[in-house]
């Protein structure tokens, strides 16, 4: 978890700074420029935190079980439960729309990331996580 100082700034000052931050990301634009900005601006721990949060949202959107998310991403049950509750309450509606529009691209990347970070699985259940995702997708198709 990232460190946040206990010394607080005034709310109006925070809003000004935050708006400037958003403006900086808007200025970076698309593609490689925003990648460079993230590399320069964020620490390794912050990148990991955001990447895992994004992966949790992707997996929740696909209906993957919380236990499986914990296992694959090496995160605590409380983290998955907290983000899952926020997801269920609609906190990530904008991100959810992006995920739906870019489902194939995101899942291609996520599959590579998830499998690359894990030790090779062997034995009968080694493809279980992919089968679980496929079953969830098929259920969604038949419900429509």
N, C-alpha and C. Protein backbone atom coordinates (compact mmCIF):
# COMPACT_ATOMS: atom_id res chain seq x y z
N UNK A 1 0.84 -1.18 0.00
CA UNK A 1 0.00 0.00 0.00
C UNK A 1 0.89 1.24 0.00
N UNK A 2 0.42 2.25 -0.71
CA UNK A 2 1.20 3.48 -0.79
C UNK A 2 1.07 4.27 0.50
N UNK A 3 2.04 5.11 0.74
CA UNK A 3 2.07 5.92 1.95
C UNK A 3 1.39 7.26 1.69
N UNK A 4 0.48 7.65 2.56
CA UNK A 4 -0.17 8.95 2.49
C UNK A 4 0.16 9.70 3.77
N UNK A 5 0.64 10.90 3.62
CA UNK A 5 1.04 11.70 4.76
C UNK A 5 -0.14 11.99 5.68
N UNK A 6 0.11 12.04 6.97
CA UNK A 6 -0.93 12.38 7.93
C UNK A 6 -1.18 13.88 7.96
N UNK A 7 -0.25 14.64 7.42
CA UNK A 7 -0.39 16.10 7.38
C UNK A 7 -1.27 16.46 6.19
N UNK A 8 -2.45 16.94 6.47
CA UNK A 8 -3.45 17.22 5.43
C UNK A 8 -3.31 18.65 4.92
N UNK A 9 -3.65 18.81 3.63
CA UNK A 9 -3.73 20.16 3.07
C UNK A 9 -5.20 20.56 3.02
N UNK A 10 -5.43 21.84 2.85
CA UNK A 10 -6.82 22.32 2.79
C UNK A 10 -7.52 21.72 1.57
N UNK A 11 -8.82 21.49 1.71
CA UNK A 11 -9.61 20.87 0.64
C UNK A 11 -9.54 21.68 -0.65
N UNK A 12 -9.63 22.99 -0.56
CA UNK A 12 -9.59 23.81 -1.77
C UNK A 12 -8.22 23.72 -2.46
N UNK A 13 -7.15 23.64 -1.67
CA UNK A 13 -5.81 23.47 -2.25
C UNK A 13 -5.68 22.10 -2.92
N UNK A 14 -6.23 21.08 -2.26
CA UNK A 14 -6.21 19.75 -2.84
C UNK A 14 -6.93 19.74 -4.19
N UNK A 15 -8.10 20.36 -4.26
CA UNK A 15 -8.87 20.39 -5.52
C UNK A 15 -8.09 21.07 -6.63
N UNK A 16 -7.40 22.15 -6.31
CA UNK A 16 -6.60 22.85 -7.32
C UNK A 16 -5.48 21.95 -7.83
N UNK A 17 -4.78 21.33 -6.91
CA UNK A 17 -3.68 20.45 -7.28
C UNK A 17 -4.19 19.26 -8.09
N UNK A 18 -5.29 18.68 -7.63
CA UNK A 18 -5.87 17.53 -8.32
C UNK A 18 -6.28 17.89 -9.75
N UNK A 19 -6.90 19.05 -9.92
CA UNK A 19 -7.30 19.50 -11.26
C UNK A 19 -6.09 19.70 -12.17
N UNK A 20 -4.99 20.18 -11.61
CA UNK A 20 -3.76 20.32 -12.39
C UNK A 20 -3.21 18.94 -12.79
N UNK A 21 -3.32 17.99 -11.90
CA UNK A 21 -2.88 16.63 -12.21
C UNK A 21 -3.69 16.05 -13.37
N UNK A 22 -5.00 16.21 -13.30
CA UNK A 22 -5.87 15.72 -14.37
C UNK A 22 -5.52 16.42 -15.68
N UNK A 23 -5.27 17.69 -15.62
CA UNK A 23 -4.88 18.46 -16.80
C UNK A 23 -3.58 17.92 -17.39
N UNK A 24 -2.64 17.56 -16.54
CA UNK A 24 -1.37 17.01 -17.02
C UNK A 24 -1.61 15.70 -17.77
N UNK A 25 -2.47 14.83 -17.24
CA UNK A 25 -2.77 13.58 -17.92
C UNK A 25 -3.51 13.82 -19.23
N UNK A 26 -4.41 14.80 -19.25
CA UNK A 26 -5.09 15.15 -20.50
C UNK A 26 -4.11 15.64 -21.55
N UNK A 27 -3.14 16.43 -21.13
CA UNK A 27 -2.14 16.98 -22.03
C UNK A 27 -1.27 15.87 -22.63
N UNK A 28 -1.00 14.84 -21.85
CA UNK A 28 -0.15 13.75 -22.32
C UNK A 28 -0.76 13.08 -23.54
N UNK A 29 -2.07 13.00 -23.57
CA UNK A 29 -2.74 12.40 -24.72
C UNK A 29 -2.73 10.89 -24.69
N UNK A 30 -2.74 10.33 -25.88
CA UNK A 30 -2.87 8.88 -26.02
C UNK A 30 -1.52 8.20 -26.22
N UNK A 31 -1.56 6.89 -26.14
CA UNK A 31 -0.43 6.06 -26.53
C UNK A 31 0.82 6.24 -25.72
N UNK A 32 1.92 6.38 -26.43
CA UNK A 32 3.25 6.38 -25.82
C UNK A 32 3.47 7.54 -24.85
N UNK A 33 2.87 8.69 -25.12
CA UNK A 33 3.08 9.85 -24.24
C UNK A 33 2.53 9.59 -22.85
N UNK A 34 1.33 9.00 -22.78
CA UNK A 34 0.77 8.72 -21.46
C UNK A 34 1.56 7.61 -20.77
N UNK A 35 2.11 6.68 -21.54
CA UNK A 35 2.96 5.64 -20.97
C UNK A 35 4.20 6.25 -20.33
N UNK A 36 4.83 7.19 -21.04
CA UNK A 36 6.01 7.87 -20.50
C UNK A 36 5.65 8.63 -19.23
N UNK A 37 4.51 9.31 -19.26
CA UNK A 37 4.07 10.06 -18.08
C UNK A 37 3.89 9.14 -16.88
N UNK A 38 3.23 8.01 -17.08
CA UNK A 38 3.04 7.06 -15.98
C UNK A 38 4.37 6.54 -15.47
N UNK A 39 5.29 6.22 -16.37
CA UNK A 39 6.60 5.70 -15.95
C UNK A 39 7.37 6.71 -15.12
N UNK A 40 7.31 7.98 -15.52
CA UNK A 40 8.05 9.00 -14.79
C UNK A 40 7.37 9.41 -13.49
N UNK A 41 6.06 9.39 -13.48
CA UNK A 41 5.32 9.97 -12.37
C UNK A 41 5.06 8.98 -11.23
N UNK A 42 4.83 7.74 -11.55
CA UNK A 42 4.39 6.78 -10.54
C UNK A 42 5.56 5.90 -10.07
N UNK A 43 5.52 5.56 -8.79
CA UNK A 43 6.50 4.63 -8.25
C UNK A 43 6.11 3.21 -8.67
N UNK A 44 7.02 2.28 -8.49
CA UNK A 44 6.74 0.89 -8.82
C UNK A 44 5.54 0.38 -8.02
N UNK A 45 5.49 0.70 -6.73
CA UNK A 45 4.38 0.24 -5.88
C UNK A 45 3.04 0.79 -6.36
N UNK A 46 3.03 2.04 -6.80
CA UNK A 46 1.78 2.63 -7.30
C UNK A 46 1.35 1.97 -8.61
N UNK A 47 2.30 1.67 -9.47
CA UNK A 47 1.98 0.98 -10.73
C UNK A 47 1.38 -0.39 -10.46
N UNK A 48 1.99 -1.12 -9.53
CA UNK A 48 1.48 -2.45 -9.17
C UNK A 48 0.07 -2.33 -8.59
N UNK A 49 -0.12 -1.36 -7.71
CA UNK A 49 -1.43 -1.17 -7.07
C UNK A 49 -2.51 -0.89 -8.12
N UNK A 50 -2.23 0.03 -9.04
CA UNK A 50 -3.22 0.37 -10.06
C UNK A 50 -3.44 -0.79 -11.03
N UNK A 51 -2.38 -1.49 -11.41
CA UNK A 51 -2.52 -2.61 -12.33
C UNK A 51 -3.36 -3.73 -11.71
N UNK A 52 -3.12 -4.01 -10.44
CA UNK A 52 -3.90 -5.05 -9.78
C UNK A 52 -5.36 -4.63 -9.62
N UNK A 53 -5.59 -3.36 -9.29
CA UNK A 53 -6.96 -2.87 -9.17
C UNK A 53 -7.68 -3.01 -10.51
N UNK A 54 -6.99 -2.67 -11.58
CA UNK A 54 -7.58 -2.81 -12.92
C UNK A 54 -7.88 -4.27 -13.23
N UNK A 55 -6.95 -5.16 -12.91
CA UNK A 55 -7.17 -6.59 -13.16
C UNK A 55 -8.34 -7.12 -12.34
N UNK A 56 -8.49 -6.66 -11.11
CA UNK A 56 -9.63 -7.07 -10.28
C UNK A 56 -10.93 -6.67 -10.97
N UNK A 57 -10.99 -5.42 -11.46
CA UNK A 57 -12.21 -4.95 -12.12
C UNK A 57 -12.51 -5.76 -13.39
N UNK A 58 -11.48 -6.06 -14.15
CA UNK A 58 -11.66 -6.89 -15.36
C UNK A 58 -12.24 -8.24 -15.00
N UNK A 59 -11.68 -8.85 -13.98
CA UNK A 59 -12.13 -10.19 -13.59
C UNK A 59 -13.53 -10.16 -12.99
N UNK A 60 -13.84 -9.13 -12.20
CA UNK A 60 -15.19 -9.01 -11.65
C UNK A 60 -16.20 -8.82 -12.78
N UNK A 61 -15.85 -8.03 -13.77
CA UNK A 61 -16.72 -7.79 -14.91
C UNK A 61 -17.04 -9.09 -15.64
N UNK A 62 -16.08 -10.01 -15.68
CA UNK A 62 -16.27 -11.29 -16.34
C UNK A 62 -16.91 -12.33 -15.44
N UNK A 63 -17.13 -11.98 -14.18
CA UNK A 63 -17.78 -12.91 -13.26
C UNK A 63 -16.86 -13.95 -12.65
N UNK A 64 -15.56 -13.69 -12.65
CA UNK A 64 -14.59 -14.61 -12.06
C UNK A 64 -14.76 -14.59 -10.54
N UNK A 65 -14.60 -15.74 -9.92
CA UNK A 65 -14.81 -15.83 -8.47
C UNK A 65 -13.76 -15.02 -7.70
N UNK A 66 -14.19 -14.51 -6.56
CA UNK A 66 -13.30 -13.71 -5.71
C UNK A 66 -12.09 -14.53 -5.26
N UNK A 67 -12.32 -15.77 -4.92
CA UNK A 67 -11.22 -16.62 -4.46
C UNK A 67 -10.17 -16.78 -5.56
N UNK A 68 -10.63 -16.97 -6.77
CA UNK A 68 -9.69 -17.12 -7.88
C UNK A 68 -8.90 -15.83 -8.10
N UNK A 69 -9.57 -14.68 -7.99
CA UNK A 69 -8.89 -13.38 -8.15
C UNK A 69 -7.80 -13.24 -7.10
N UNK A 70 -8.10 -13.58 -5.85
CA UNK A 70 -7.11 -13.52 -4.77
C UNK A 70 -5.90 -14.38 -5.10
N UNK A 71 -6.17 -15.59 -5.57
CA UNK A 71 -5.11 -16.55 -5.85
C UNK A 71 -4.22 -16.09 -7.00
N UNK A 72 -4.82 -15.65 -8.07
CA UNK A 72 -4.07 -15.27 -9.27
C UNK A 72 -3.28 -13.99 -9.07
N UNK A 73 -3.89 -12.99 -8.45
CA UNK A 73 -3.24 -11.69 -8.30
C UNK A 73 -2.44 -11.56 -7.01
N UNK A 74 -2.49 -12.59 -6.17
CA UNK A 74 -1.75 -12.57 -4.91
C UNK A 74 -2.13 -11.36 -4.06
N UNK A 75 -3.44 -11.23 -3.83
CA UNK A 75 -3.95 -10.13 -3.01
C UNK A 75 -4.84 -10.69 -1.91
N UNK A 76 -5.10 -9.87 -0.92
CA UNK A 76 -5.87 -10.33 0.24
C UNK A 76 -7.36 -10.37 -0.08
N UNK A 77 -8.09 -11.22 0.66
CA UNK A 77 -9.54 -11.27 0.48
C UNK A 77 -10.20 -9.91 0.78
N UNK A 78 -9.65 -9.17 1.74
CA UNK A 78 -10.26 -7.88 2.08
C UNK A 78 -10.13 -6.89 0.92
N UNK A 79 -9.03 -6.95 0.17
CA UNK A 79 -8.87 -6.06 -0.98
C UNK A 79 -9.90 -6.40 -2.05
N UNK A 80 -10.04 -7.68 -2.36
CA UNK A 80 -11.02 -8.10 -3.37
C UNK A 80 -12.43 -7.74 -2.91
N UNK A 81 -12.74 -7.99 -1.65
CA UNK A 81 -14.09 -7.68 -1.14
C UNK A 81 -14.37 -6.18 -1.18
N UNK A 82 -13.39 -5.37 -0.83
CA UNK A 82 -13.58 -3.92 -0.83
C UNK A 82 -13.85 -3.41 -2.25
N UNK A 83 -13.03 -3.83 -3.19
CA UNK A 83 -13.21 -3.37 -4.57
C UNK A 83 -14.48 -3.97 -5.16
N UNK A 84 -14.79 -5.21 -4.83
CA UNK A 84 -16.01 -5.85 -5.32
C UNK A 84 -17.25 -5.11 -4.83
N UNK A 85 -17.25 -4.71 -3.57
CA UNK A 85 -18.39 -3.96 -3.03
C UNK A 85 -18.56 -2.62 -3.74
N UNK A 86 -17.44 -1.93 -3.96
CA UNK A 86 -17.50 -0.66 -4.70
C UNK A 86 -18.00 -0.89 -6.12
N UNK A 87 -17.55 -1.96 -6.74
CA UNK A 87 -17.97 -2.32 -8.10
C UNK A 87 -19.48 -2.58 -8.14
N UNK A 88 -19.96 -3.37 -7.19
CA UNK A 88 -21.38 -3.69 -7.12
C UNK A 88 -22.24 -2.46 -6.86
N UNK A 89 -21.70 -1.48 -6.14
CA UNK A 89 -22.43 -0.24 -5.85
C UNK A 89 -22.32 0.79 -6.96
N UNK A 90 -21.67 0.43 -8.07
CA UNK A 90 -21.61 1.31 -9.22
C UNK A 90 -20.53 2.37 -9.20
N UNK A 91 -19.55 2.22 -8.33
CA UNK A 91 -18.49 3.22 -8.24
C UNK A 91 -17.63 3.26 -9.50
N UNK A 92 -17.55 2.15 -10.22
CA UNK A 92 -16.68 2.06 -11.38
C UNK A 92 -17.48 2.00 -12.69
N UNK A 93 -18.58 2.72 -12.79
CA UNK A 93 -19.46 2.65 -13.96
C UNK A 93 -18.73 3.06 -15.25
N UNK A 94 -17.93 4.10 -15.20
CA UNK A 94 -17.21 4.56 -16.38
C UNK A 94 -16.19 3.50 -16.83
N UNK A 95 -15.46 2.96 -15.88
CA UNK A 95 -14.48 1.92 -16.19
C UNK A 95 -15.18 0.68 -16.72
N UNK A 96 -16.32 0.35 -16.15
CA UNK A 96 -17.09 -0.80 -16.60
C UNK A 96 -17.47 -0.66 -18.07
N UNK A 97 -17.87 0.53 -18.49
CA UNK A 97 -18.21 0.76 -19.90
C UNK A 97 -16.98 0.58 -20.79
N UNK A 98 -15.84 1.06 -20.35
CA UNK A 98 -14.60 0.89 -21.11
C UNK A 98 -14.27 -0.59 -21.24
N UNK A 99 -14.43 -1.33 -20.16
CA UNK A 99 -14.14 -2.76 -20.18
C UNK A 99 -15.04 -3.48 -21.17
N UNK A 100 -16.31 -3.12 -21.19
CA UNK A 100 -17.25 -3.77 -22.11
C UNK A 100 -16.89 -3.48 -23.57
N UNK A 101 -16.50 -2.24 -23.85
CA UNK A 101 -16.17 -1.85 -25.23
C UNK A 101 -14.87 -2.49 -25.71
N UNK A 102 -13.94 -2.75 -24.80
CA UNK A 102 -12.61 -3.25 -25.16
C UNK A 102 -12.35 -4.65 -24.60
N UNK A 103 -13.37 -5.43 -24.45
CA UNK A 103 -13.29 -6.73 -23.78
C UNK A 103 -12.19 -7.62 -24.37
N UNK A 104 -12.18 -7.81 -25.67
CA UNK A 104 -11.22 -8.75 -26.28
C UNK A 104 -9.79 -8.27 -26.09
N UNK A 105 -9.52 -7.02 -26.37
CA UNK A 105 -8.17 -6.48 -26.24
C UNK A 105 -7.67 -6.58 -24.80
N UNK A 106 -8.53 -6.21 -23.88
CA UNK A 106 -8.16 -6.24 -22.46
C UNK A 106 -7.89 -7.66 -22.00
N UNK A 107 -8.75 -8.61 -22.40
CA UNK A 107 -8.57 -9.99 -21.95
C UNK A 107 -7.35 -10.64 -22.59
N UNK A 108 -7.02 -10.27 -23.81
CA UNK A 108 -5.80 -10.79 -24.42
C UNK A 108 -4.59 -10.36 -23.60
N UNK A 109 -4.55 -9.10 -23.23
CA UNK A 109 -3.43 -8.58 -22.43
C UNK A 109 -3.43 -9.18 -21.03
N UNK A 110 -4.60 -9.24 -20.42
CA UNK A 110 -4.69 -9.75 -19.05
C UNK A 110 -4.29 -11.22 -18.98
N UNK A 111 -4.69 -12.00 -19.97
CA UNK A 111 -4.31 -13.41 -19.99
C UNK A 111 -2.79 -13.57 -20.02
N UNK A 112 -2.14 -12.76 -20.83
CA UNK A 112 -0.68 -12.82 -20.92
C UNK A 112 -0.05 -12.43 -19.58
N UNK A 113 -0.56 -11.37 -18.99
CA UNK A 113 -0.02 -10.88 -17.72
C UNK A 113 -0.22 -11.91 -16.61
N UNK A 114 -1.42 -12.44 -16.53
CA UNK A 114 -1.74 -13.39 -15.46
C UNK A 114 -0.91 -14.65 -15.59
N UNK A 115 -0.81 -15.18 -16.80
CA UNK A 115 -0.06 -16.42 -16.97
C UNK A 115 1.44 -16.20 -16.85
N UNK A 116 1.93 -15.02 -17.23
CA UNK A 116 3.36 -14.76 -17.14
C UNK A 116 3.82 -14.63 -15.70
N UNK A 117 2.96 -14.11 -14.83
CA UNK A 117 3.35 -13.87 -13.45
C UNK A 117 3.22 -15.07 -12.54
N UNK A 118 2.68 -16.14 -13.07
CA UNK A 118 2.45 -17.31 -12.23
C UNK A 118 3.40 -18.44 -12.58
N UNK A 119 3.72 -19.26 -11.60
CA UNK A 119 4.49 -20.45 -11.93
C UNK A 119 3.63 -21.36 -12.81
N UNK A 120 4.24 -22.12 -13.68
CA UNK A 120 3.44 -22.97 -14.55
C UNK A 120 2.60 -23.94 -13.75
N UNK A 121 1.37 -24.05 -14.15
CA UNK A 121 0.48 -24.98 -13.48
C UNK A 121 0.53 -26.30 -14.24
N UNK A 122 0.51 -27.36 -13.50
CA UNK A 122 0.53 -28.68 -14.12
C UNK A 122 -0.62 -29.48 -13.54
N UNK A 123 -0.96 -30.53 -14.22
CA UNK A 123 -2.00 -31.40 -13.70
C UNK A 123 -3.35 -31.11 -14.32
N UNK A 124 -4.32 -31.80 -13.80
CA UNK A 124 -5.65 -31.81 -14.37
C UNK A 124 -6.33 -30.44 -14.38
N UNK A 125 -6.17 -29.62 -13.37
CA UNK A 125 -6.91 -28.37 -13.27
C UNK A 125 -6.16 -27.14 -13.78
N UNK A 126 -5.11 -27.34 -14.57
CA UNK A 126 -4.25 -26.22 -14.94
C UNK A 126 -4.95 -25.18 -15.81
N UNK A 127 -6.00 -25.53 -16.55
CA UNK A 127 -6.71 -24.57 -17.40
C UNK A 127 -8.05 -24.18 -16.80
N UNK A 128 -8.27 -24.50 -15.56
CA UNK A 128 -9.55 -24.26 -14.92
C UNK A 128 -9.95 -22.79 -14.96
N UNK A 129 -9.00 -21.89 -14.76
CA UNK A 129 -9.33 -20.46 -14.72
C UNK A 129 -9.83 -19.98 -16.08
N UNK A 130 -9.27 -20.50 -17.17
CA UNK A 130 -9.76 -20.11 -18.49
C UNK A 130 -11.14 -20.71 -18.75
N UNK A 131 -11.34 -21.93 -18.31
CA UNK A 131 -12.66 -22.56 -18.46
C UNK A 131 -13.72 -21.80 -17.69
N UNK A 132 -13.36 -21.31 -16.50
CA UNK A 132 -14.31 -20.55 -15.68
C UNK A 132 -14.72 -19.27 -16.40
N UNK A 133 -13.78 -18.57 -16.98
CA UNK A 133 -14.07 -17.33 -17.71
C UNK A 133 -14.95 -17.64 -18.92
N UNK A 134 -14.62 -18.70 -19.65
CA UNK A 134 -15.41 -19.07 -20.84
C UNK A 134 -16.84 -19.41 -20.46
N UNK A 135 -17.01 -20.14 -19.36
CA UNK A 135 -18.37 -20.48 -18.90
C UNK A 135 -19.16 -19.22 -18.58
N UNK A 136 -18.54 -18.26 -17.92
CA UNK A 136 -19.21 -17.00 -17.56
C UNK A 136 -19.61 -16.25 -18.82
N UNK A 137 -18.72 -16.21 -19.81
CA UNK A 137 -19.03 -15.50 -21.06
C UNK A 137 -20.18 -16.17 -21.78
N UNK A 138 -20.20 -17.49 -21.83
CA UNK A 138 -21.27 -18.22 -22.50
C UNK A 138 -22.61 -17.99 -21.81
N UNK A 139 -22.61 -17.93 -20.48
CA UNK A 139 -23.84 -17.65 -19.75
C UNK A 139 -24.39 -16.28 -20.11
N UNK A 140 -23.50 -15.29 -20.23
CA UNK A 140 -23.92 -13.94 -20.58
C UNK A 140 -24.51 -13.88 -21.98
N UNK A 141 -23.93 -14.65 -22.91
CA UNK A 141 -24.42 -14.67 -24.28
C UNK A 141 -25.82 -15.25 -24.34
N UNK A 142 -26.06 -16.35 -23.60
CA UNK A 142 -27.37 -17.01 -23.62
C UNK A 142 -28.43 -16.20 -22.90
N UNK A 143 -28.05 -15.34 -21.96
CA UNK A 143 -29.02 -14.53 -21.24
C UNK A 143 -29.57 -13.40 -22.10
N UNK A 144 -28.81 -12.96 -23.09
CA UNK A 144 -29.22 -11.84 -23.94
C UNK A 144 -30.27 -12.23 -24.86
